C-alpha atoms as a PDB file:
ATOM      1  CA  UNK A   1     -63.243 -22.089 139.612  1.00  0.00           C
ATOM      2  CA  UNK A   2     -64.569 -19.571 137.096  1.00  0.00           C
ATOM      3  CA  UNK A   3     -67.303 -16.929 137.185  1.00  0.00           C
ATOM      4  CA  UNK A   4     -69.013 -16.417 133.824  1.00  0.00           C
ATOM      5  CA  UNK A   5     -69.725 -12.824 132.758  1.00  0.00           C
ATOM      6  CA  UNK A   6     -72.230 -12.095 130.012  1.00  0.00           C
ATOM      7  CA  UNK A   7     -71.146  -9.406 127.569  1.00  0.00           C
ATOM      8  CA  UNK A   8     -73.125  -7.905 124.702  1.00  0.00           C
ATOM      9  CA  UNK A   9     -71.427  -8.433 121.316  1.00  0.00           C
ATOM     10  CA  UNK A  10     -72.604  -4.985 120.173  1.00  0.00           C
ATOM     11  CA  UNK A  11     -72.746  -2.811 123.327  1.00  0.00           C
ATOM     12  CA  UNK A  12     -69.665  -2.108 125.431  1.00  0.00           C
ATOM     13  CA  UNK A  13     -71.294  -1.936 128.864  1.00  0.00           C
ATOM     14  CA  UNK A  14     -68.876  -2.348 131.759  1.00  0.00           C
ATOM     15  CA  UNK A  15     -71.262  -2.744 134.706  1.00  0.00           C
ATOM     16  CA  UNK A  16     -70.977  -6.524 134.719  1.00  0.00           C
ATOM     17  CA  UNK A  17     -67.172  -6.488 134.347  1.00  0.00           C
ATOM     18  CA  UNK A  18     -66.723  -4.295 137.426  1.00  0.00           C
ATOM     19  CA  UNK A  19     -69.101  -6.407 139.509  1.00  0.00           C
ATOM     20  CA  UNK A  20     -67.616  -9.713 138.343  1.00  0.00           C
ATOM     21  CA  UNK A  21     -64.085  -8.502 139.108  1.00  0.00           C
ATOM     22  CA  UNK A  22     -65.159  -7.501 142.620  1.00  0.00           C
ATOM     23  CA  UNK A  23     -66.823 -10.883 143.209  1.00  0.00           C
ATOM     24  CA  UNK A  24     -63.906 -12.865 141.764  1.00  0.00           C
ATOM     25  CA  UNK A  25     -61.335 -10.892 143.761  1.00  0.00           C
ATOM     26  CA  UNK A  26     -63.317 -11.456 146.934  1.00  0.00           C
ATOM     27  CA  UNK A  27     -63.855 -15.177 146.351  1.00  0.00           C
ATOM     28  CA  UNK A  28     -60.452 -15.969 144.847  1.00  0.00           C
ATOM     29  CA  UNK A  29     -61.834 -17.174 141.517  1.00  0.00           C
ATOM     30  CA  UNK A  30     -61.092 -16.272 137.908  1.00  0.00           C
ATOM     31  CA  UNK A  31     -63.333 -14.837 135.174  1.00  0.00           C
ATOM     32  CA  UNK A  32     -64.393 -15.695 131.663  1.00  0.00           C
ATOM     33  CA  UNK A  33     -66.214 -13.000 129.697  1.00  0.00           C
ATOM     34  CA  UNK A  34     -68.601 -14.550 127.171  1.00  0.00           C
ATOM     35  CA  UNK A  35     -70.163 -12.892 124.122  1.00  0.00           C
ATOM     36  CA  UNK A  36     -72.853 -14.968 122.390  1.00  0.00           C
ATOM     37  CA  UNK A  37     -73.539 -14.696 118.668  1.00  0.00           C
ATOM     38  CA  UNK A  38     -76.204 -16.522 116.578  1.00  0.00           C
ATOM     39  CA  UNK A  39     -75.468 -20.130 115.674  1.00  0.00           C
ATOM     40  CA  UNK A  40     -75.575 -21.186 112.008  1.00  0.00           C
ATOM     41  CA  UNK A  41     -78.923 -22.131 110.511  1.00  0.00           C
ATOM     42  CA  UNK A  42     -79.577 -25.867 110.575  1.00  0.00           C
ATOM     43  CA  UNK A  43     -80.595 -25.746 106.945  1.00  0.00           C
ATOM     44  CA  UNK A  44     -78.627 -24.391 104.030  1.00  0.00           C
ATOM     45  CA  UNK A  45     -77.563 -20.852 104.896  1.00  0.00           C
ATOM     46  CA  UNK A  46     -77.354 -18.173 102.218  1.00  0.00           C
ATOM     47  CA  UNK A  47     -74.233 -16.109 101.667  1.00  0.00           C
ATOM     48  CA  UNK A  48     -76.038 -13.157 103.242  1.00  0.00           C
ATOM     49  CA  UNK A  49     -76.643 -15.212 106.408  1.00  0.00           C
ATOM     50  CA  UNK A  50     -73.004 -16.286 106.542  1.00  0.00           C
ATOM     51  CA  UNK A  51     -71.795 -12.740 105.999  1.00  0.00           C
ATOM     52  CA  UNK A  52     -74.071 -11.425 108.749  1.00  0.00           C
ATOM     53  CA  UNK A  53     -72.921 -14.049 111.240  1.00  0.00           C
ATOM     54  CA  UNK A  54     -69.320 -13.276 110.360  1.00  0.00           C
ATOM     55  CA  UNK A  55     -70.017  -9.569 110.919  1.00  0.00           C
ATOM     56  CA  UNK A  56     -71.568 -10.245 114.345  1.00  0.00           C
ATOM     57  CA  UNK A  57     -68.653 -12.484 115.338  1.00  0.00           C
ATOM     58  CA  UNK A  58     -66.157  -9.781 114.348  1.00  0.00           C
ATOM     59  CA  UNK A  59     -68.181  -7.190 116.297  1.00  0.00           C
ATOM     60  CA  UNK A  60     -68.200  -9.474 119.334  1.00  0.00           C
ATOM     61  CA  UNK A  61     -64.427  -9.903 119.223  1.00  0.00           C
ATOM     62  CA  UNK A  62     -63.928  -6.165 118.794  1.00  0.00           C
ATOM     63  CA  UNK A  63     -66.260  -5.478 121.713  1.00  0.00           C
ATOM     64  CA  UNK A  64     -64.373  -7.912 123.949  1.00  0.00           C
ATOM     65  CA  UNK A  65     -61.049  -6.419 122.889  1.00  0.00           C
ATOM     66  CA  UNK A  66     -62.330  -2.951 123.783  1.00  0.00           C
ATOM     67  CA  UNK A  67     -63.117  -4.202 127.292  1.00  0.00           C
ATOM     68  CA  UNK A  68     -59.515  -5.263 127.887  1.00  0.00           C
ATOM     69  CA  UNK A  69     -58.714  -2.011 129.681  1.00  0.00           C
ATOM     70  CA  UNK A  70     -61.441  -2.739 132.237  1.00  0.00           C
ATOM     71  CA  UNK A  71     -60.382  -6.299 132.937  1.00  0.00           C
ATOM     72  CA  UNK A  72     -58.715  -6.620 136.364  1.00  0.00           C
ATOM     73  CA  UNK A  73     -54.964  -7.176 136.421  1.00  0.00           C
ATOM     74  CA  UNK A  74     -55.088  -9.056 139.724  1.00  0.00           C
ATOM     75  CA  UNK A  75     -57.746 -11.563 138.585  1.00  0.00           C
ATOM     76  CA  UNK A  76     -57.168 -14.230 135.948  1.00  0.00           C
ATOM     77  CA  UNK A  77     -59.502 -13.354 133.089  1.00  0.00           C
ATOM     78  CA  UNK A  78     -60.121 -14.434 129.500  1.00  0.00           C
ATOM     79  CA  UNK A  79     -62.653 -13.638 126.791  1.00  0.00           C
ATOM     80  CA  UNK A  80     -64.482 -16.047 124.486  1.00  0.00           C
ATOM     81  CA  UNK A  81     -67.115 -15.924 121.754  1.00  0.00           C
ATOM     82  CA  UNK A  82     -69.727 -18.684 121.683  1.00  0.00           C
ATOM     83  CA  UNK A  83     -72.495 -19.516 119.200  1.00  0.00           C
ATOM     84  CA  UNK A  84     -76.025 -20.353 120.280  1.00  0.00           C
ATOM     85  CA  UNK A  85     -79.646 -20.140 119.166  1.00  0.00           C
ATOM     86  CA  UNK A  86     -80.216 -17.472 121.844  1.00  0.00           C
ATOM     87  CA  UNK A  87     -78.074 -15.393 124.176  1.00  0.00           C
ATOM     88  CA  UNK A  88     -79.665 -16.867 127.300  1.00  0.00           C
ATOM     89  CA  UNK A  89     -79.126 -20.443 126.094  1.00  0.00           C
ATOM     90  CA  UNK A  90     -75.544 -19.600 125.145  1.00  0.00           C
ATOM     91  CA  UNK A  91     -74.755 -18.192 128.596  1.00  0.00           C
ATOM     92  CA  UNK A  92     -76.290 -21.197 130.368  1.00  0.00           C
ATOM     93  CA  UNK A  93     -74.194 -23.438 128.116  1.00  0.00           C
ATOM     94  CA  UNK A  94     -71.103 -21.421 129.071  1.00  0.00           C
ATOM     95  CA  UNK A  95     -71.948 -21.842 132.764  1.00  0.00           C
ATOM     96  CA  UNK A  96     -71.970 -25.599 132.222  1.00  0.00           C
ATOM     97  CA  UNK A  97     -68.856 -25.550 130.021  1.00  0.00           C
ATOM     98  CA  UNK A  98     -66.778 -23.744 132.638  1.00  0.00           C
ATOM     99  CA  UNK A  99     -68.530 -25.317 135.653  1.00  0.00           C
ATOM    100  CA  UNK A 100     -69.233 -21.794 136.872  1.00  0.00           C
ATOM    101  CA  UNK A 101     -70.727 -21.203 140.333  1.00  0.00           C
ATOM    102  CA  UNK A 102     -72.238 -17.873 139.267  1.00  0.00           C
ATOM    103  CA  UNK A 103     -73.347 -15.872 136.233  1.00  0.00           C
ATOM    104  CA  UNK A 104     -72.855 -12.090 136.238  1.00  0.00           C
ATOM    105  CA  UNK A 105     -74.874  -9.708 134.061  1.00  0.00           C
ATOM    106  CA  UNK A 106     -75.177  -5.967 133.596  1.00  0.00           C
ATOM    107  CA  UNK A 107     -78.305  -3.846 133.699  1.00  0.00           C
ATOM    108  CA  UNK A 108     -80.364  -2.781 130.727  1.00  0.00           C
ATOM    109  CA  UNK A 109     -79.161   0.430 129.109  1.00  0.00           C
ATOM    110  CA  UNK A 110     -82.782   1.612 129.365  1.00  0.00           C
ATOM    111  CA  UNK A 111     -82.790   1.300 133.168  1.00  0.00           C
ATOM    112  CA  UNK A 112     -82.365   4.058 135.727  1.00  0.00           C
ATOM    113  CA  UNK A 113     -78.783   5.037 136.491  1.00  0.00           C
ATOM    114  CA  UNK A 114     -77.708   3.524 139.784  1.00  0.00           C
ATOM    115  CA  UNK A 115     -80.539   0.983 139.846  1.00  0.00           C
ATOM    116  CA  UNK A 116     -80.872  -2.570 138.573  1.00  0.00           C
ATOM    117  CA  UNK A 117     -82.558  -2.642 135.165  1.00  0.00           C
ATOM    118  CA  UNK A 118     -83.736  -5.997 133.839  1.00  0.00           C
ATOM    119  CA  UNK A 119     -83.478  -6.418 130.087  1.00  0.00           C
ATOM    120  CA  UNK A 120     -85.006  -9.289 128.103  1.00  0.00           C
ATOM    121  CA  UNK A 121     -81.963 -11.584 128.353  1.00  0.00           C
ATOM    122  CA  UNK A 122     -81.563 -10.955 132.082  1.00  0.00           C
ATOM    123  CA  UNK A 123     -85.281 -11.564 132.640  1.00  0.00           C
ATOM    124  CA  UNK A 124     -85.049 -14.940 130.902  1.00  0.00           C
ATOM    125  CA  UNK A 125     -81.993 -15.976 132.898  1.00  0.00           C
ATOM    126  CA  UNK A 126     -83.614 -14.854 136.145  1.00  0.00           C
ATOM    127  CA  UNK A 127     -86.314 -17.412 135.389  1.00  0.00           C
ATOM    128  CA  UNK A 128     -84.148 -20.312 134.240  1.00  0.00           C
ATOM    129  CA  UNK A 129     -80.502 -20.194 135.404  1.00  0.00           C
ATOM    130  CA  UNK A 130     -79.168 -23.259 137.254  1.00  0.00           C
ATOM    131  CA  UNK A 131     -76.704 -21.088 139.224  1.00  0.00           C
ATOM    132  CA  UNK A 132     -76.975 -17.782 141.109  1.00  0.00           C
ATOM    133  CA  UNK A 133     -77.297 -14.726 138.859  1.00  0.00           C
ATOM    134  CA  UNK A 134     -75.660 -11.461 139.937  1.00  0.00           C
ATOM    135  CA  UNK A 135     -76.905  -8.247 138.299  1.00  0.00           C
ATOM    136  CA  UNK A 136     -75.029  -4.947 138.515  1.00  0.00           C
ATOM    137  CA  UNK A 137     -76.904  -1.646 138.741  1.00  0.00           C
ATOM    138  CA  UNK A 138     -76.649   0.482 135.619  1.00  0.00           C
ATOM    139  CA  UNK A 139     -73.421   2.495 135.704  1.00  0.00           C
ATOM    140  CA  UNK A 140     -71.898   0.357 138.461  1.00  0.00           C
ATOM    141  CA  UNK A 141     -68.165   0.892 138.911  1.00  0.00           C
ATOM    142  CA  UNK A 142     -65.639  -0.418 141.404  1.00  0.00           C
ATOM    143  CA  UNK A 143     -62.034   0.438 142.204  1.00  0.00           C
ATOM    144  CA  UNK A 144     -59.305  -1.928 141.036  1.00  0.00           C
ATOM    145  CA  UNK A 145     -58.852  -3.353 144.540  1.00  0.00           C
ATOM    146  CA  UNK A 146     -62.513  -3.391 145.578  1.00  0.00           C
ATOM    147  CA  UNK A 147     -63.964  -6.378 147.425  1.00  0.00           C
ATOM    148  CA  UNK A 148     -67.381  -7.369 148.726  1.00  0.00           C
ATOM    149  CA  UNK A 149     -67.605  -6.187 152.325  1.00  0.00           C
ATOM    150  CA  UNK A 150     -71.203  -7.006 153.283  1.00  0.00           C
ATOM    151  CA  UNK A 151     -73.855  -9.481 152.153  1.00  0.00           C
ATOM    152  CA  UNK A 152     -77.429  -8.426 152.895  1.00  0.00           C
ATOM    153  CA  UNK A 153     -80.176 -11.053 152.816  1.00  0.00           C
ATOM    154  CA  UNK A 154     -83.593  -9.913 151.583  1.00  0.00           C
ATOM    155  CA  UNK A 155     -85.737 -11.727 154.129  1.00  0.00           C
ATOM    156  CA  UNK A 156     -89.422 -12.620 153.838  1.00  0.00           C
ATOM    157  CA  UNK A 157     -91.338 -14.734 156.312  1.00  0.00           C
ATOM    158  CA  UNK A 158     -91.790 -18.249 154.976  1.00  0.00           C
ATOM    159  CA  UNK A 159     -90.917 -21.909 155.439  1.00  0.00           C
ATOM    160  CA  UNK A 160     -88.107 -21.854 152.865  1.00  0.00           C
ATOM    161  CA  UNK A 161     -86.234 -18.802 154.129  1.00  0.00           C
ATOM    162  CA  UNK A 162     -83.849 -20.810 156.329  1.00  0.00           C
ATOM    163  CA  UNK A 163     -82.320 -22.256 153.147  1.00  0.00           C
ATOM    164  CA  UNK A 164     -81.808 -18.740 151.758  1.00  0.00           C
ATOM    165  CA  UNK A 165     -80.221 -17.650 155.040  1.00  0.00           C
ATOM    166  CA  UNK A 166     -77.834 -20.603 154.930  1.00  0.00           C
ATOM    167  CA  UNK A 167     -76.903 -19.964 151.289  1.00  0.00           C
ATOM    168  CA  UNK A 168     -76.255 -16.255 151.842  1.00  0.00           C
ATOM    169  CA  UNK A 169     -74.227 -16.938 154.988  1.00  0.00           C
ATOM    170  CA  UNK A 170     -72.030 -19.283 152.952  1.00  0.00           C
ATOM    171  CA  UNK A 171     -71.607 -16.622 150.247  1.00  0.00           C
ATOM    172  CA  UNK A 172     -70.546 -14.095 152.924  1.00  0.00           C
ATOM    173  CA  UNK A 173     -68.115 -16.637 154.344  1.00  0.00           C
ATOM    174  CA  UNK A 174     -66.609 -17.374 150.929  1.00  0.00           C
ATOM    175  CA  UNK A 175     -66.023 -13.710 150.030  1.00  0.00           C
ATOM    176  CA  UNK A 176     -64.881 -12.650 153.500  1.00  0.00           C
ATOM    177  CA  UNK A 177     -67.786 -10.261 154.092  1.00  0.00           C
ATOM    178  CA  UNK A 178     -70.090  -9.526 156.998  1.00  0.00           C
ATOM    179  CA  UNK A 179     -73.739 -10.573 156.770  1.00  0.00           C
ATOM    180  CA  UNK A 180     -77.076  -9.085 157.807  1.00  0.00           C
ATOM    181  CA  UNK A 181     -80.801  -9.561 157.295  1.00  0.00           C
ATOM    182  CA  UNK A 182     -82.961  -6.871 155.715  1.00  0.00           C
ATOM    183  CA  UNK A 183     -86.702  -6.864 155.176  1.00  0.00           C
ATOM    184  CA  UNK A 184     -88.974  -4.285 153.631  1.00  0.00           C
ATOM    185  CA  UNK A 185     -92.377  -2.969 154.723  1.00  0.00           C
ATOM    186  CA  UNK A 186     -94.166  -0.997 151.994  1.00  0.00           C
ATOM    187  CA  UNK A 187     -97.257   0.872 153.191  1.00  0.00           C
ATOM    188  CA  UNK A 188     -98.798   3.422 150.811  1.00  0.00           C
ATOM    189  CA  UNK A 189    -100.049   6.627 152.391  1.00  0.00           C
ATOM    190  CA  UNK A 190    -103.741   6.452 153.293  1.00  0.00           C
ATOM    191  CA  UNK A 191    -106.459   9.058 153.912  1.00  0.00           C
ATOM    192  CA  UNK A 192    -107.021  10.292 157.475  1.00  0.00           C
ATOM    193  CA  UNK A 193    -110.357   8.440 157.668  1.00  0.00           C
ATOM    194  CA  UNK A 194    -108.613   5.065 157.410  1.00  0.00           C
ATOM    195  CA  UNK A 195    -106.941   5.243 160.809  1.00  0.00           C
ATOM    196  CA  UNK A 196    -108.210   1.816 161.899  1.00  0.00           C
ATOM    197  CA  UNK A 197    -106.670   0.206 158.816  1.00  0.00           C
ATOM    198  CA  UNK A 198    -103.362   1.920 159.494  1.00  0.00           C
ATOM    199  CA  UNK A 199    -103.281   0.602 163.049  1.00  0.00           C
ATOM    200  CA  UNK A 200    -103.823  -2.923 161.725  1.00  0.00           C
ATOM    201  CA  UNK A 201    -100.969  -2.444 159.271  1.00  0.00           C
ATOM    202  CA  UNK A 202     -98.760  -1.151 162.093  1.00  0.00           C
ATOM    203  CA  UNK A 203     -99.497  -4.353 164.016  1.00  0.00           C
ATOM    204  CA  UNK A 204     -98.522  -6.406 160.971  1.00  0.00           C
ATOM    205  CA  UNK A 205     -95.257  -4.501 160.582  1.00  0.00           C
ATOM    206  CA  UNK A 206     -94.500  -4.967 164.287  1.00  0.00           C
ATOM    207  CA  UNK A 207     -95.014  -8.700 163.799  1.00  0.00           C
ATOM    208  CA  UNK A 208     -92.595  -8.610 160.859  1.00  0.00           C
ATOM    209  CA  UNK A 209     -90.028  -6.914 163.075  1.00  0.00           C
ATOM    210  CA  UNK A 210     -90.394  -9.720 165.614  1.00  0.00           C
ATOM    211  CA  UNK A 211     -90.052 -12.322 162.859  1.00  0.00           C
ATOM    212  CA  UNK A 212     -86.923 -10.545 161.658  1.00  0.00           C
ATOM    213  CA  UNK A 213     -85.344 -10.889 165.090  1.00  0.00           C
ATOM    214  CA  UNK A 214     -86.186 -14.597 165.122  1.00  0.00           C
ATOM    215  CA  UNK A 215     -84.629 -14.967 161.654  1.00  0.00           C
ATOM    216  CA  UNK A 216     -81.523 -13.209 162.982  1.00  0.00           C
ATOM    217  CA  UNK A 217     -81.240 -15.915 165.615  1.00  0.00           C
ATOM    218  CA  UNK A 218     -81.492 -18.556 162.871  1.00  0.00           C
ATOM    219  CA  UNK A 219     -78.745 -16.736 160.971  1.00  0.00           C
ATOM    220  CA  UNK A 220     -76.507 -16.703 164.055  1.00  0.00           C
ATOM    221  CA  UNK A 221     -76.972 -20.462 164.329  1.00  0.00           C
ATOM    222  CA  UNK A 222     -76.093 -21.014 160.662  1.00  0.00           C
ATOM    223  CA  UNK A 223     -73.105 -18.679 160.820  1.00  0.00           C
ATOM    224  CA  UNK A 224     -71.721 -20.331 163.954  1.00  0.00           C
ATOM    225  CA  UNK A 225     -71.416 -23.636 162.063  1.00  0.00           C
ATOM    226  CA  UNK A 226     -69.056 -22.192 159.447  1.00  0.00           C
ATOM    227  CA  UNK A 227     -65.291 -22.364 159.808  1.00  0.00           C
ATOM    228  CA  UNK A 228     -64.156 -18.774 160.252  1.00  0.00           C
ATOM    229  CA  UNK A 229     -67.745 -17.480 160.519  1.00  0.00           C
ATOM    230  CA  UNK A 230     -68.526 -14.036 159.040  1.00  0.00           C
ATOM    231  CA  UNK A 231     -69.410 -11.123 161.281  1.00  0.00           C
ATOM    232  CA  UNK A 232     -73.179 -10.766 161.695  1.00  0.00           C
ATOM    233  CA  UNK A 233     -74.545  -7.235 161.724  1.00  0.00           C
ATOM    234  CA  UNK A 234     -77.846  -6.112 163.209  1.00  0.00           C
ATOM    235  CA  UNK A 235     -80.936  -6.753 161.048  1.00  0.00           C
ATOM    236  CA  UNK A 236     -82.605  -3.803 159.318  1.00  0.00           C
ATOM    237  CA  UNK A 237     -86.274  -3.099 158.548  1.00  0.00           C
ATOM    238  CA  UNK A 238     -86.780  -0.687 155.651  1.00  0.00           C
ATOM    239  CA  UNK A 239     -90.157   1.088 155.770  1.00  0.00           C
ATOM    240  CA  UNK A 240     -91.564   3.329 153.090  1.00  0.00           C
ATOM    241  CA  UNK A 241     -94.609   4.342 151.078  1.00  0.00           C
ATOM    242  CA  UNK A 242     -93.022   2.821 147.969  1.00  0.00           C
ATOM    243  CA  UNK A 243     -90.538   0.073 147.251  1.00  0.00           C
ATOM    244  CA  UNK A 244     -88.032   2.699 146.171  1.00  0.00           C
ATOM    245  CA  UNK A 245     -88.322   4.506 149.498  1.00  0.00           C
ATOM    246  CA  UNK A 246     -88.233   1.302 151.540  1.00  0.00           C
ATOM    247  CA  UNK A 247     -84.892   0.396 149.978  1.00  0.00           C
ATOM    248  CA  UNK A 248     -83.527   3.950 150.146  1.00  0.00           C
ATOM    249  CA  UNK A 249     -83.884   4.181 153.935  1.00  0.00           C
ATOM    250  CA  UNK A 250     -81.682   1.117 154.455  1.00  0.00           C
ATOM    251  CA  UNK A 251     -78.006   2.069 154.958  1.00  0.00           C
ATOM    252  CA  UNK A 252     -75.960   0.776 152.018  1.00  0.00           C
ATOM    253  CA  UNK A 253     -72.217   0.786 151.401  1.00  0.00           C
ATOM    254  CA  UNK A 254     -70.010   0.596 148.304  1.00  0.00           C
ATOM    255  CA  UNK A 255     -69.070  -3.011 149.019  1.00  0.00           C
ATOM    256  CA  UNK A 256     -72.632  -4.288 149.543  1.00  0.00           C
ATOM    257  CA  UNK A 257     -74.524  -6.948 147.633  1.00  0.00           C
ATOM    258  CA  UNK A 258     -78.144  -7.959 148.221  1.00  0.00           C
ATOM    259  CA  UNK A 259     -79.031 -11.664 148.070  1.00  0.00           C
ATOM    260  CA  UNK A 260     -82.591 -12.494 146.995  1.00  0.00           C
ATOM    261  CA  UNK A 261     -84.218 -15.917 146.981  1.00  0.00           C
ATOM    262  CA  UNK A 262     -86.184 -17.509 144.160  1.00  0.00           C
ATOM    263  CA  UNK A 263     -89.948 -17.907 144.185  1.00  0.00           C
ATOM    264  CA  UNK A 264     -91.340 -20.822 146.189  1.00  0.00           C
ATOM    265  CA  UNK A 265     -93.051 -21.955 142.961  1.00  0.00           C
ATOM    266  CA  UNK A 266     -89.711 -22.297 141.167  1.00  0.00           C
ATOM    267  CA  UNK A 267     -88.334 -25.626 140.053  1.00  0.00           C
ATOM    268  CA  UNK A 268     -85.701 -27.066 142.365  1.00  0.00           C
ATOM    269  CA  UNK A 269     -82.154 -25.979 141.490  1.00  0.00           C
ATOM    270  CA  UNK A 270     -83.355 -23.163 139.238  1.00  0.00           C
ATOM    271  CA  UNK A 271     -83.488 -19.397 139.635  1.00  0.00           C
ATOM    272  CA  UNK A 272     -86.991 -17.958 139.344  1.00  0.00           C
ATOM    273  CA  UNK A 273     -87.515 -14.323 140.291  1.00  0.00           C
ATOM    274  CA  UNK A 274     -90.922 -13.898 141.936  1.00  0.00           C
ATOM    275  CA  UNK A 275     -93.094 -10.784 142.131  1.00  0.00           C
ATOM    276  CA  UNK A 276     -91.841  -9.373 145.449  1.00  0.00           C
ATOM    277  CA  UNK A 277     -88.225 -10.259 144.697  1.00  0.00           C
ATOM    278  CA  UNK A 278     -88.554  -8.522 141.319  1.00  0.00           C
ATOM    279  CA  UNK A 279     -89.715  -5.311 143.018  1.00  0.00           C
ATOM    280  CA  UNK A 280     -86.785  -5.480 145.439  1.00  0.00           C
ATOM    281  CA  UNK A 281     -84.301  -6.134 142.638  1.00  0.00           C
ATOM    282  CA  UNK A 282     -85.579  -3.325 140.396  1.00  0.00           C
ATOM    283  CA  UNK A 283     -85.237  -0.750 143.189  1.00  0.00           C
ATOM    284  CA  UNK A 284     -81.941  -1.949 144.618  1.00  0.00           C
ATOM    285  CA  UNK A 285     -79.092   0.596 144.648  1.00  0.00           C
ATOM    286  CA  UNK A 286     -76.534  -2.225 145.085  1.00  0.00           C
ATOM    287  CA  UNK A 287     -75.785  -5.364 143.057  1.00  0.00           C
ATOM    288  CA  UNK A 288     -78.359  -8.131 143.455  1.00  0.00           C
ATOM    289  CA  UNK A 289     -77.619 -11.859 143.565  1.00  0.00           C
ATOM    290  CA  UNK A 290     -80.624 -14.114 142.916  1.00  0.00           C
ATOM    291  CA  UNK A 291     -80.047 -17.657 144.166  1.00  0.00           C
ATOM    292  CA  UNK A 292     -81.818 -20.835 142.992  1.00  0.00           C
ATOM    293  CA  UNK A 293     -84.318 -22.816 144.978  1.00  0.00           C
ATOM    294  CA  UNK A 294     -82.706 -25.295 147.408  1.00  0.00           C
ATOM    295  CA  UNK A 295     -80.875 -27.980 145.506  1.00  0.00           C
ATOM    296  CA  UNK A 296     -78.962 -25.567 143.226  1.00  0.00           C
ATOM    297  CA  UNK A 297     -75.331 -24.562 143.453  1.00  0.00           C
ATOM    298  CA  UNK A 298     -74.057 -21.519 145.270  1.00  0.00           C
ATOM    299  CA  UNK A 299     -71.023 -19.362 144.783  1.00  0.00           C
ATOM    300  CA  UNK A 300     -68.001 -20.713 146.550  1.00  0.00           C
ATOM    301  CA  UNK A 301     -64.317 -19.942 146.738  1.00  0.00           C
ATOM    302  CA  UNK A 302     -63.882 -23.691 146.205  1.00  0.00           C
END
């Protein structure tokens, strides 16, 4: 089984390579690094068009060759150049070509260092991919022997969350990691005169904490059904005045990934990053994996 890694044909970013190598090493899969260049015009192309496409193809091959030093020696890995009308379409086609269980992307070079930055291609794929999409924070690096050690599930109260819990538990099982639930309570600071409102919000957050404990029981049930079940850690509630602070107060480790579900309005078997999930992803200090609505495929050691 092969994990597909998207690589820019003109920018040598290594975030995605390091994350993909860690995921592949943990799951026992191999990698294919894909650079997408424009497909030929359907009509009669001019010599200038042909020369430009040839230039981009050469740049893509040079970029992939330059990444060779970052490719893991202990994971089977190859590089390919594919043509497509758009980068997002080309990567989805590569996922289908290689029957990949996951697509791995890097962060935008305009994003904050150490945080997930969503560029235009990543945004499109986070609203259309048929398989889970993993995004590395900008500047993400991992040691040559690094593995995923913990899978955190971004939990929100709702009727579809049991499917997310099951999917994430299976991911943790496949990569040999522990698993935990995390949820986030964002409450902006309020003036002193709004004490009644704050007490109401405190009651809501207390209810969330109770729901989180109930979800933890659901997770224990799902985990117990797996052969060689992963270790389940205590759930965590991150509170803060901003999304950034709410995620910062949660203890994170170097081998962590955060699994986020797709919007309930998404098409079945497609990734679709909703508003809350987008806020979580953009402030995450660890790699984020966005999984499709129930009916899609999940990463597996196969």
